[in-house]
PDB file of N, CA and C in Angstrom:
ATOM      1  N   MET A   1      11.566  80.861  70.806  1.00  0.00           N
ATOM      2  CA  MET A   1      12.874  80.958  70.193  1.00  0.00           C
ATOM      3  C   MET A   1      12.898  80.121  68.914  1.00  0.00           C
ATOM      4  N   GLY A   2      13.541  80.625  67.906  1.00  0.00           N
ATOM      5  CA  GLY A   2      13.688  79.889  66.658  1.00  0.00           C
ATOM      6  C   GLY A   2      14.708  78.772  66.802  1.00  0.00           C
ATOM      7  N   ALA A   3      14.865  78.002  65.753  1.00  0.00           N
ATOM      8  CA  ALA A   3      15.826  76.899  65.769  1.00  0.00           C
ATOM      9  C   ALA A   3      16.432  76.718  64.388  1.00  0.00           C
ATOM     10  N   LEU A   4      17.667  76.249  64.374  1.00  0.00           N
ATOM     11  CA  LEU A   4      18.352  75.919  63.134  1.00  0.00           C
ATOM     12  C   LEU A   4      18.619  74.425  63.090  1.00  0.00           C
ATOM     13  N   TRP A   5      18.375  73.851  61.938  1.00  0.00           N
ATOM     14  CA  TRP A   5      18.648  72.438  61.647  1.00  0.00           C
ATOM     15  C   TRP A   5      19.896  72.487  60.791  1.00  0.00           C
ATOM     16  N   ILE A   6      20.988  71.920  61.257  1.00  0.00           N
ATOM     17  CA  ILE A   6      22.271  72.025  60.578  1.00  0.00           C
ATOM     18  C   ILE A   6      22.766  70.625  60.235  1.00  0.00           C
ATOM     19  N   ALA A   7      23.000  70.395  58.949  1.00  0.00           N
ATOM     20  CA  ALA A   7      23.474  69.094  58.482  1.00  0.00           C
ATOM     21  C   ALA A   7      24.786  69.261  57.734  1.00  0.00           C
ATOM     22  N   HIS A   8      25.714  68.361  58.019  1.00  0.00           N
ATOM     23  CA  HIS A   8      26.996  68.283  57.313  1.00  0.00           C
ATOM     24  C   HIS A   8      27.013  66.905  56.661  1.00  0.00           C
ATOM     25  N   VAL A   9      27.174  66.868  55.332  1.00  0.00           N
ATOM     26  CA  VAL A   9      26.926  65.622  54.597  1.00  0.00           C
ATOM     27  C   VAL A   9      28.021  65.333  53.567  1.00  0.00           C
ATOM     28  N   THR A  10      28.382  64.065  53.487  1.00  0.00           N
ATOM     29  CA  THR A  10      29.165  63.545  52.371  1.00  0.00           C
ATOM     30  C   THR A  10      28.254  62.571  51.639  1.00  0.00           C
ATOM     31  N   VAL A  11      27.929  62.879  50.411  1.00  0.00           N
ATOM     32  CA  VAL A  11      27.033  62.038  49.609  1.00  0.00           C
ATOM     33  C   VAL A  11      27.868  60.947  48.938  1.00  0.00           C
ATOM     34  N   THR A  12      27.425  59.699  49.076  1.00  0.00           N
ATOM     35  CA  THR A  12      28.130  58.569  48.468  1.00  0.00           C
ATOM     36  C   THR A  12      27.338  57.933  47.320  1.00  0.00           C
ATOM     37  N   ASP A  13      26.058  58.277  47.199  1.00  0.00           N
ATOM     38  CA  ASP A  13      25.206  57.788  46.107  1.00  0.00           C
ATOM     39  C   ASP A  13      24.283  58.933  45.691  1.00  0.00           C
ATOM     40  N   GLU A  14      24.676  59.637  44.644  1.00  0.00           N
ATOM     41  CA  GLU A  14      23.954  60.845  44.206  1.00  0.00           C
ATOM     42  C   GLU A  14      22.487  60.570  43.870  1.00  0.00           C
ATOM     43  N   ASP A  15      22.217  59.483  43.150  1.00  0.00           N
ATOM     44  CA  ASP A  15      20.837  59.193  42.728  1.00  0.00           C
ATOM     45  C   ASP A  15      19.918  58.963  43.926  1.00  0.00           C
ATOM     46  N   ALA A  16      20.352  58.154  44.858  1.00  0.00           N
ATOM     47  CA  ALA A  16      19.535  57.893  46.050  1.00  0.00           C
ATOM     48  C   ALA A  16      19.391  59.163  46.881  1.00  0.00           C
ATOM     49  N   TYR A  17      20.458  59.935  46.978  1.00  0.00           N
ATOM     50  CA  TYR A  17      20.405  61.134  47.819  1.00  0.00           C
ATOM     51  C   TYR A  17      19.462  62.188  47.227  1.00  0.00           C
ATOM     52  N   LYS A  18      19.350  62.235  45.918  1.00  0.00           N
ATOM     53  CA  LYS A  18      18.387  63.156  45.295  1.00  0.00           C
ATOM     54  C   LYS A  18      16.964  62.809  45.720  1.00  0.00           C
ATOM     55  N   LYS A  19      16.659  61.515  45.813  1.00  0.00           N
ATOM     56  CA  LYS A  19      15.337  61.094  46.275  1.00  0.00           C
ATOM     57  C   LYS A  19      15.119  61.501  47.730  1.00  0.00           C
ATOM     58  N   TYR A  20      16.173  61.363  48.546  1.00  0.00           N
ATOM     59  CA  TYR A  20      16.088  61.832  49.931  1.00  0.00           C
ATOM     60  C   TYR A  20      15.785  63.330  49.955  1.00  0.00           C
ATOM     61  N   ALA A  21      16.542  64.112  49.179  1.00  0.00           N
ATOM     62  CA  ALA A  21      16.401  65.565  49.185  1.00  0.00           C
ATOM     63  C   ALA A  21      14.993  65.997  48.786  1.00  0.00           C
ATOM     64  N   GLU A  22      14.401  65.314  47.821  1.00  0.00           N
ATOM     65  CA  GLU A  22      13.030  65.648  47.401  1.00  0.00           C
ATOM     66  C   GLU A  22      12.048  65.451  48.555  1.00  0.00           C
ATOM     67  N   GLY A  23      12.121  64.310  49.203  1.00  0.00           N
ATOM     68  CA  GLY A  23      11.217  64.027  50.319  1.00  0.00           C
ATOM     69  C   GLY A  23      11.490  64.898  51.525  1.00  0.00           C
ATOM     70  N   ALA A  24      12.762  65.115  51.824  1.00  0.00           N
ATOM     71  CA  ALA A  24      13.129  65.937  52.974  1.00  0.00           C
ATOM     72  C   ALA A  24      12.670  67.382  52.786  1.00  0.00           C
ATOM     73  N   THR A  25      12.804  67.901  51.572  1.00  0.00           N
ATOM     74  CA  THR A  25      12.370  69.272  51.290  1.00  0.00           C
ATOM     75  C   THR A  25      10.881  69.436  51.586  1.00  0.00           C
ATOM     76  N   LYS A  26      10.087  68.475  51.165  1.00  0.00           N
ATOM     77  CA  LYS A  26       8.641  68.538  51.424  1.00  0.00           C
ATOM     78  C   LYS A  26       8.336  68.439  52.910  1.00  0.00           C
ATOM     79  N   ALA A  27       9.013  67.541  53.611  1.00  0.00           N
ATOM     80  CA  ALA A  27       8.772  67.375  55.050  1.00  0.00           C
ATOM     81  C   ALA A  27       9.177  68.627  55.822  1.00  0.00           C
ATOM     82  N   ILE A  28      10.296  69.205  55.465  1.00  0.00           N
ATOM     83  CA  ILE A  28      10.774  70.423  56.146  1.00  0.00           C
ATOM     84  C   ILE A  28       9.789  71.563  55.919  1.00  0.00           C
ATOM     85  N   ALA A  29       9.351  71.752  54.686  1.00  0.00           N
ATOM     86  CA  ALA A  29       8.379  72.817  54.389  1.00  0.00           C
ATOM     87  C   ALA A  29       7.065  72.590  55.134  1.00  0.00           C
ATOM     88  N   ALA A  30       6.619  71.343  55.216  1.00  0.00           N
ATOM     89  CA  ALA A  30       5.362  71.027  55.896  1.00  0.00           C
ATOM     90  C   ALA A  30       5.419  71.341  57.390  1.00  0.00           C
ATOM     91  N   HIS A  31       6.632  71.429  57.935  1.00  0.00           N
ATOM     92  CA  HIS A  31       6.806  71.741  59.354  1.00  0.00           C
ATOM     93  C   HIS A  31       7.260  73.191  59.563  1.00  0.00           C
ATOM     94  N   GLY A  32       7.072  74.019  58.558  1.00  0.00           N
ATOM     95  CA  GLY A  32       7.403  75.442  58.692  1.00  0.00           C
ATOM     96  C   GLY A  32       8.871  75.766  58.552  1.00  0.00           C
ATOM     97  N   GLY A  33       9.657  74.814  58.062  1.00  0.00           N
ATOM     98  CA  GLY A  33      11.085  75.051  57.877  1.00  0.00           C
ATOM     99  C   GLY A  33      11.370  75.751  56.562  1.00  0.00           C
ATOM    100  N   THR A  34      12.377  76.605  56.570  1.00  0.00           N
ATOM    101  CA  THR A  34      12.838  77.283  55.360  1.00  0.00           C
ATOM    102  C   THR A  34      14.356  77.150  55.281  1.00  0.00           C
ATOM    103  N   PHE A  35      14.857  76.969  54.076  1.00  0.00           N
ATOM    104  CA  PHE A  35      16.297  76.808  53.902  1.00  0.00           C
ATOM    105  C   PHE A  35      17.001  78.158  53.908  1.00  0.00           C
ATOM    106  N   ILE A  36      18.090  78.216  54.662  1.00  0.00           N
ATOM    107  CA  ILE A  36      18.960  79.390  54.705  1.00  0.00           C
ATOM    108  C   ILE A  36      20.174  79.143  53.818  1.00  0.00           C
ATOM    109  N   ALA A  37      20.707  77.932  53.899  1.00  0.00           N
ATOM    110  CA  ALA A  37      21.858  77.539  53.086  1.00  0.00           C
ATOM    111  C   ALA A  37      21.669  76.095  52.675  1.00  0.00           C
ATOM    112  N   ARG A  38      22.013  75.821  51.429  1.00  0.00           N
ATOM    113  CA  ARG A  38      21.851  74.460  50.918  1.00  0.00           C
ATOM    114  C   ARG A  38      22.950  74.233  49.901  1.00  0.00           C
ATOM    115  N   GLY A  39      24.020  73.580  50.344  1.00  0.00           N
ATOM    116  CA  GLY A  39      25.186  73.445  49.480  1.00  0.00           C
ATOM    117  C   GLY A  39      25.913  74.779  49.458  1.00  0.00           C
ATOM    118  N   GLY A  40      26.518  75.102  48.376  1.00  0.00           N
ATOM    119  CA  GLY A  40      27.184  76.396  48.231  1.00  0.00           C
ATOM    120  C   GLY A  40      28.594  76.409  48.802  1.00  0.00           C
ATOM    121  N   LYS A  41      29.224  77.515  48.573  1.00  0.00           N
ATOM    122  CA  LYS A  41      30.610  77.713  48.991  1.00  0.00           C
ATOM    123  C   LYS A  41      30.709  77.744  50.510  1.00  0.00           C
ATOM    124  N   PHE A  42      31.759  77.131  51.036  1.00  0.00           N
ATOM    125  CA  PHE A  42      32.011  77.163  52.476  1.00  0.00           C
ATOM    126  C   PHE A  42      33.509  77.114  52.728  1.00  0.00           C
ATOM    127  N   VAL A  43      33.901  77.492  53.922  1.00  0.00           N
ATOM    128  CA  VAL A  43      35.288  77.421  54.354  1.00  0.00           C
ATOM    129  C   VAL A  43      35.311  76.602  55.638  1.00  0.00           C
ATOM    130  N   GLN A  44      35.992  75.469  55.621  1.00  0.00           N
ATOM    131  CA  GLN A  44      36.097  74.609  56.800  1.00  0.00           C
ATOM    132  C   GLN A  44      37.275  75.091  57.626  1.00  0.00           C
ATOM    133  N   LEU A  45      37.022  75.547  58.833  1.00  0.00           N
ATOM    134  CA  LEU A  45      38.095  76.051  59.684  1.00  0.00           C
ATOM    135  C   LEU A  45      38.550  75.031  60.721  1.00  0.00           C
ATOM    136  N   GLU A  46      37.644  74.190  61.174  1.00  0.00           N
ATOM    137  CA  GLU A  46      37.989  73.166  62.161  1.00  0.00           C
ATOM    138  C   GLU A  46      37.117  71.941  61.922  1.00  0.00           C
ATOM    139  N   GLY A  47      37.546  70.809  62.422  1.00  0.00           N
ATOM    140  CA  GLY A  47      36.740  69.595  62.371  1.00  0.00           C
ATOM    141  C   GLY A  47      36.750  68.929  61.006  1.00  0.00           C
ATOM    142  N   LYS A  48      35.907  67.887  60.906  1.00  0.00           N
ATOM    143  CA  LYS A  48      35.825  67.087  59.684  1.00  0.00           C
ATOM    144  C   LYS A  48      35.072  67.837  58.592  1.00  0.00           C
ATOM    145  N   GLU A  49      35.664  67.923  57.450  1.00  0.00           N
ATOM    146  CA  GLU A  49      35.025  68.593  56.314  1.00  0.00           C
ATOM    147  C   GLU A  49      34.016  67.664  55.650  1.00  0.00           C
ATOM    148  N   ARG A  50      32.846  68.187  55.382  1.00  0.00           N
ATOM    149  CA  ARG A  50      31.815  67.507  54.605  1.00  0.00           C
ATOM    150  C   ARG A  50      31.484  68.433  53.438  1.00  0.00           C
ATOM    151  N   PRO A  51      31.438  67.930  52.212  1.00  0.00           N
ATOM    152  CA  PRO A  51      31.261  68.804  51.052  1.00  0.00           C
ATOM    153  C   PRO A  51      29.869  69.425  50.907  1.00  0.00           C
ATOM    154  N   ARG A  52      28.872  68.907  51.617  1.00  0.00           N
ATOM    155  CA  ARG A  52      27.522  69.475  51.513  1.00  0.00           C
ATOM    156  C   ARG A  52      27.075  69.899  52.905  1.00  0.00           C
ATOM    157  N   ASN A  53      26.656  71.138  53.006  1.00  0.00           N
ATOM    158  CA  ASN A  53      26.204  71.692  54.278  1.00  0.00           C
ATOM    159  C   ASN A  53      24.851  72.345  54.066  1.00  0.00           C
ATOM    160  N   VAL A  54      23.921  72.058  54.974  1.00  0.00           N
ATOM    161  CA  VAL A  54      22.552  72.550  54.837  1.00  0.00           C
ATOM    162  C   VAL A  54      22.122  73.159  56.164  1.00  0.00           C
ATOM    163  N   VAL A  55      21.482  74.327  56.078  1.00  0.00           N
ATOM    164  CA  VAL A  55      20.922  74.976  57.258  1.00  0.00           C
ATOM    165  C   VAL A  55      19.475  75.349  56.938  1.00  0.00           C
ATOM    166  N   ALA A  56      18.564  74.920  57.809  1.00  0.00           N
ATOM    167  CA  ALA A  56      17.153  75.275  57.679  1.00  0.00           C
ATOM    168  C   ALA A  56      16.706  75.936  58.971  1.00  0.00           C
ATOM    169  N   ARG A  57      15.822  76.911  58.847  1.00  0.00           N
ATOM    170  CA  ARG A  57      15.272  77.608  60.014  1.00  0.00           C
ATOM    171  C   ARG A  57      13.881  77.061  60.298  1.00  0.00           C
ATOM    172  N   PHE A  58      13.606  76.818  61.582  1.00  0.00           N
ATOM    173  CA  PHE A  58      12.298  76.359  62.049  1.00  0.00           C
ATOM    174  C   PHE A  58      11.781  77.317  63.117  1.00  0.00           C
ATOM    175  N   PRO A  59      10.479  77.284  63.371  1.00  0.00           N
ATOM    176  CA  PRO A  59       9.917  78.169  64.395  1.00  0.00           C
ATOM    177  C   PRO A  59      10.491  77.915  65.793  1.00  0.00           C
ATOM    178  N   ASP A  60      10.820  76.644  66.101  1.00  0.00           N
ATOM    179  CA  ASP A  60      11.361  76.317  67.420  1.00  0.00           C
ATOM    180  C   ASP A  60      11.983  74.920  67.373  1.00  0.00           C
ATOM    181  N   VAL A  61      12.708  74.581  68.414  1.00  0.00           N
ATOM    182  CA  VAL A  61      13.390  73.288  68.487  1.00  0.00           C
ATOM    183  C   VAL A  61      12.390  72.137  68.410  1.00  0.00           C
ATOM    184  N   GLU A  62      11.284  72.270  69.116  1.00  0.00           N
ATOM    185  CA  GLU A  62      10.298  71.194  69.148  1.00  0.00           C
ATOM    186  C   GLU A  62       9.739  70.881  67.761  1.00  0.00           C
ATOM    187  N   THR A  63       9.463  71.909  66.969  1.00  0.00           N
ATOM    188  CA  THR A  63       8.941  71.698  65.621  1.00  0.00           C
ATOM    189  C   THR A  63       9.989  71.041  64.727  1.00  0.00           C
ATOM    190  N   ALA A  64      11.235  71.469  64.856  1.00  0.00           N
ATOM    191  CA  ALA A  64      12.311  70.864  64.066  1.00  0.00           C
ATOM    192  C   ALA A  64      12.472  69.390  64.425  1.00  0.00           C
ATOM    193  N   GLU A  65      12.380  69.074  65.711  1.00  0.00           N
ATOM    194  CA  GLU A  65      12.505  67.684  66.135  1.00  0.00           C
ATOM    195  C   GLU A  65      11.305  66.851  65.669  1.00  0.00           C
ATOM    196  N   LYS A  66      10.110  67.448  65.701  1.00  0.00           N
ATOM    197  CA  LYS A  66       8.926  66.746  65.190  1.00  0.00           C
ATOM    198  C   LYS A  66       9.086  66.444  63.705  1.00  0.00           C
ATOM    199  N   CYS A  67       9.660  67.388  62.968  1.00  0.00           N
ATOM    200  CA  CYS A  67       9.911  67.163  61.544  1.00  0.00           C
ATOM    201  C   CYS A  67      10.817  65.954  61.364  1.00  0.00           C
ATOM    202  N   TYR A  68      11.901  65.905  62.109  1.00  0.00           N
ATOM    203  CA  TYR A  68      12.849  64.795  61.987  1.00  0.00           C
ATOM    204  C   TYR A  68      12.162  63.452  62.229  1.00  0.00           C
ATOM    205  N   HIS A  69      11.310  63.389  63.225  1.00  0.00           N
ATOM    206  CA  HIS A  69      10.657  62.135  63.588  1.00  0.00           C
ATOM    207  C   HIS A  69       9.373  61.863  62.792  1.00  0.00           C
ATOM    208  N   SER A  70       8.986  62.797  61.931  1.00  0.00           N
ATOM    209  CA  SER A  70       7.743  62.636  61.173  1.00  0.00           C
ATOM    210  C   SER A  70       7.835  61.466  60.195  1.00  0.00           C
ATOM    211  N   THR A  71       6.684  60.922  59.873  1.00  0.00           N
ATOM    212  CA  THR A  71       6.602  59.829  58.906  1.00  0.00           C
ATOM    213  C   THR A  71       7.202  60.240  57.570  1.00  0.00           C
ATOM    214  N   GLU A  72       6.910  61.473  57.136  1.00  0.00           N
ATOM    215  CA  GLU A  72       7.389  61.960  55.839  1.00  0.00           C
ATOM    216  C   GLU A  72       8.921  62.038  55.804  1.00  0.00           C
ATOM    217  N   TYR A  73       9.497  62.604  56.859  1.00  0.00           N
ATOM    218  CA  TYR A  73      10.955  62.753  56.866  1.00  0.00           C
ATOM    219  C   TYR A  73      11.628  61.389  56.991  1.00  0.00           C
ATOM    220  N   GLN A  74      11.109  60.518  57.825  1.00  0.00           N
ATOM    221  CA  GLN A  74      11.712  59.201  57.987  1.00  0.00           C
ATOM    222  C   GLN A  74      11.620  58.380  56.701  1.00  0.00           C
ATOM    223  N   ALA A  75      10.545  58.575  55.924  1.00  0.00           N
ATOM    224  CA  ALA A  75      10.450  57.920  54.618  1.00  0.00           C
ATOM    225  C   ALA A  75      11.564  58.417  53.701  1.00  0.00           C
ATOM    226  N   ALA A  76      11.832  59.717  53.724  1.00  0.00           N
ATOM    227  CA  ALA A  76      12.921  60.282  52.923  1.00  0.00           C
ATOM    228  C   ALA A  76      14.270  59.747  53.399  1.00  0.00           C
ATOM    229  N   MET A  77      14.420  59.584  54.708  1.00  0.00           N
ATOM    230  CA  MET A  77      15.679  59.096  55.273  1.00  0.00           C
ATOM    231  C   MET A  77      16.052  57.711  54.758  1.00  0.00           C
ATOM    232  N   GLU A  78      15.077  56.924  54.349  1.00  0.00           N
ATOM    233  CA  GLU A  78      15.381  55.607  53.803  1.00  0.00           C
ATOM    234  C   GLU A  78      16.315  55.714  52.596  1.00  0.00           C
ATOM    235  N   PHE A  79      16.226  56.807  51.856  1.00  0.00           N
ATOM    236  CA  PHE A  79      17.104  57.017  50.701  1.00  0.00           C
ATOM    237  C   PHE A  79      18.478  57.526  51.114  1.00  0.00           C
ATOM    238  N   ALA A  80      18.574  58.232  52.246  1.00  0.00           N
ATOM    239  CA  ALA A  80      19.852  58.789  52.705  1.00  0.00           C
ATOM    240  C   ALA A  80      20.721  57.728  53.365  1.00  0.00           C
ATOM    241  N   ARG A  81      20.093  56.786  54.034  1.00  0.00           N
ATOM    242  CA  ARG A  81      20.861  55.714  54.691  1.00  0.00           C
ATOM    243  C   ARG A  81      21.583  54.892  53.621  1.00  0.00           C
ATOM    244  N   GLY A  82      22.862  54.755  53.782  1.00  0.00           N
ATOM    245  CA  GLY A  82      23.646  54.022  52.791  1.00  0.00           C
ATOM    246  C   GLY A  82      24.048  54.871  51.599  1.00  0.00           C
ATOM    247  N   ALA A  83      23.499  56.081  51.501  1.00  0.00           N
ATOM    248  CA  ALA A  83      23.826  56.976  50.385  1.00  0.00           C
ATOM    249  C   ALA A  83      24.591  58.208  50.859  1.00  0.00           C
ATOM    250  N   SER A  84      24.872  58.258  52.178  1.00  0.00           N
ATOM    251  CA  SER A  84      25.549  59.437  52.718  1.00  0.00           C
ATOM    252  C   SER A  84      26.141  59.135  54.088  1.00  0.00           C
ATOM    253  N   GLU A  85      27.105  59.950  54.439  1.00  0.00           N
ATOM    254  CA  GLU A  85      27.626  60.015  55.801  1.00  0.00           C
ATOM    255  C   GLU A  85      27.273  61.415  56.265  1.00  0.00           C
ATOM    256  N   ARG A  86      26.707  61.548  57.470  1.00  0.00           N
ATOM    257  CA  ARG A  86      26.204  62.862  57.851  1.00  0.00           C
ATOM    258  C   ARG A  86      26.134  63.058  59.350  1.00  0.00           C
ATOM    259  N   GLU A  87      26.163  64.303  59.713  1.00  0.00           N
ATOM    260  CA  GLU A  87      25.883  64.732  61.072  1.00  0.00           C
ATOM    261  C   GLU A  87      24.728  65.718  60.966  1.00  0.00           C
ATOM    262  N   LEU A  88      23.813  65.657  61.926  1.00  0.00           N
ATOM    263  CA  LEU A  88      22.662  66.545  61.929  1.00  0.00           C
ATOM    264  C   LEU A  88      22.404  67.009  63.357  1.00  0.00           C
ATOM    265  N   MET A  89      22.181  68.294  63.521  1.00  0.00           N
ATOM    266  CA  MET A  89      21.869  68.834  64.839  1.00  0.00           C
ATOM    267  C   MET A  89      20.782  69.886  64.711  1.00  0.00           C
ATOM    268  N   ILE A  90      20.096  70.108  65.807  1.00  0.00           N
ATOM    269  CA  ILE A  90      19.134  71.194  65.924  1.00  0.00           C
ATOM    270  C   ILE A  90      19.644  72.077  67.051  1.00  0.00           C
ATOM    271  N   ILE A  91      19.691  73.360  66.806  1.00  0.00           N
ATOM    272  CA  ILE A  91      20.179  74.285  67.812  1.00  0.00           C
ATOM    273  C   ILE A  91      19.238  75.476  67.940  1.00  0.00           C
ATOM    274  N   GLU A  92      18.924  75.840  69.152  1.00  0.00           N
ATOM    275  CA  GLU A  92      18.036  76.985  69.403  1.00  0.00           C
ATOM    276  C   GLU A  92      18.791  78.277  69.077  1.00  0.00           C
ATOM    277  N   THR A  93      18.096  79.199  68.431  1.00  0.00           N
ATOM    278  CA  THR A  93      18.713  80.485  68.121  1.00  0.00           C
ATOM    279  C   THR A  93      18.498  81.446  69.279  1.00  0.00           C
ATOM    280  N   SER A  94      19.265  82.487  69.322  1.00  0.00           N
ATOM    281  CA  SER A  94      19.137  83.470  70.396  1.00  0.00           C
ATOM    282  C   SER A  94      18.213  84.616  69.991  1.00  0.00           C
ATOM    283  N   GLU A  95      17.583  84.494  68.844  1.00  0.00           N
ATOM    284  CA  GLU A  95      16.671  85.541  68.369  1.00  0.00           C
ATOM    285  C   GLU A  95      15.264  85.314  68.879  1.00  0.00           C
TER     286      GLU A  95
END
C-alpha cells in the first residue's frame, strides 16, 4: 500500500525554512517520495489553518517513516525547528 506524508505548516522564519525545504526535498526524493502538492491554493473547512500545506507520496508507510528518521531529513529539520509551527502525519493510502 502507498502512503501520503501530509504537513500543515506556518513558517515563522522564511530564510531558515528555505534551507529546511532544500534538504527535505533531497531526503524525500532519496526515499522514493514525490510531491503531489506543495503550497498552492487551499480551502480550510475545519481545524487550525496553516498557510503552507505539503503532500508527498511514498511507496509505503515504512519508507515514509524511514525518511523522517533518516540522517538527511533530521539534518534538514534543524532548520525547521524554531522557523515553523507544523503538524506532520503519514497515512496509508487505500490504493
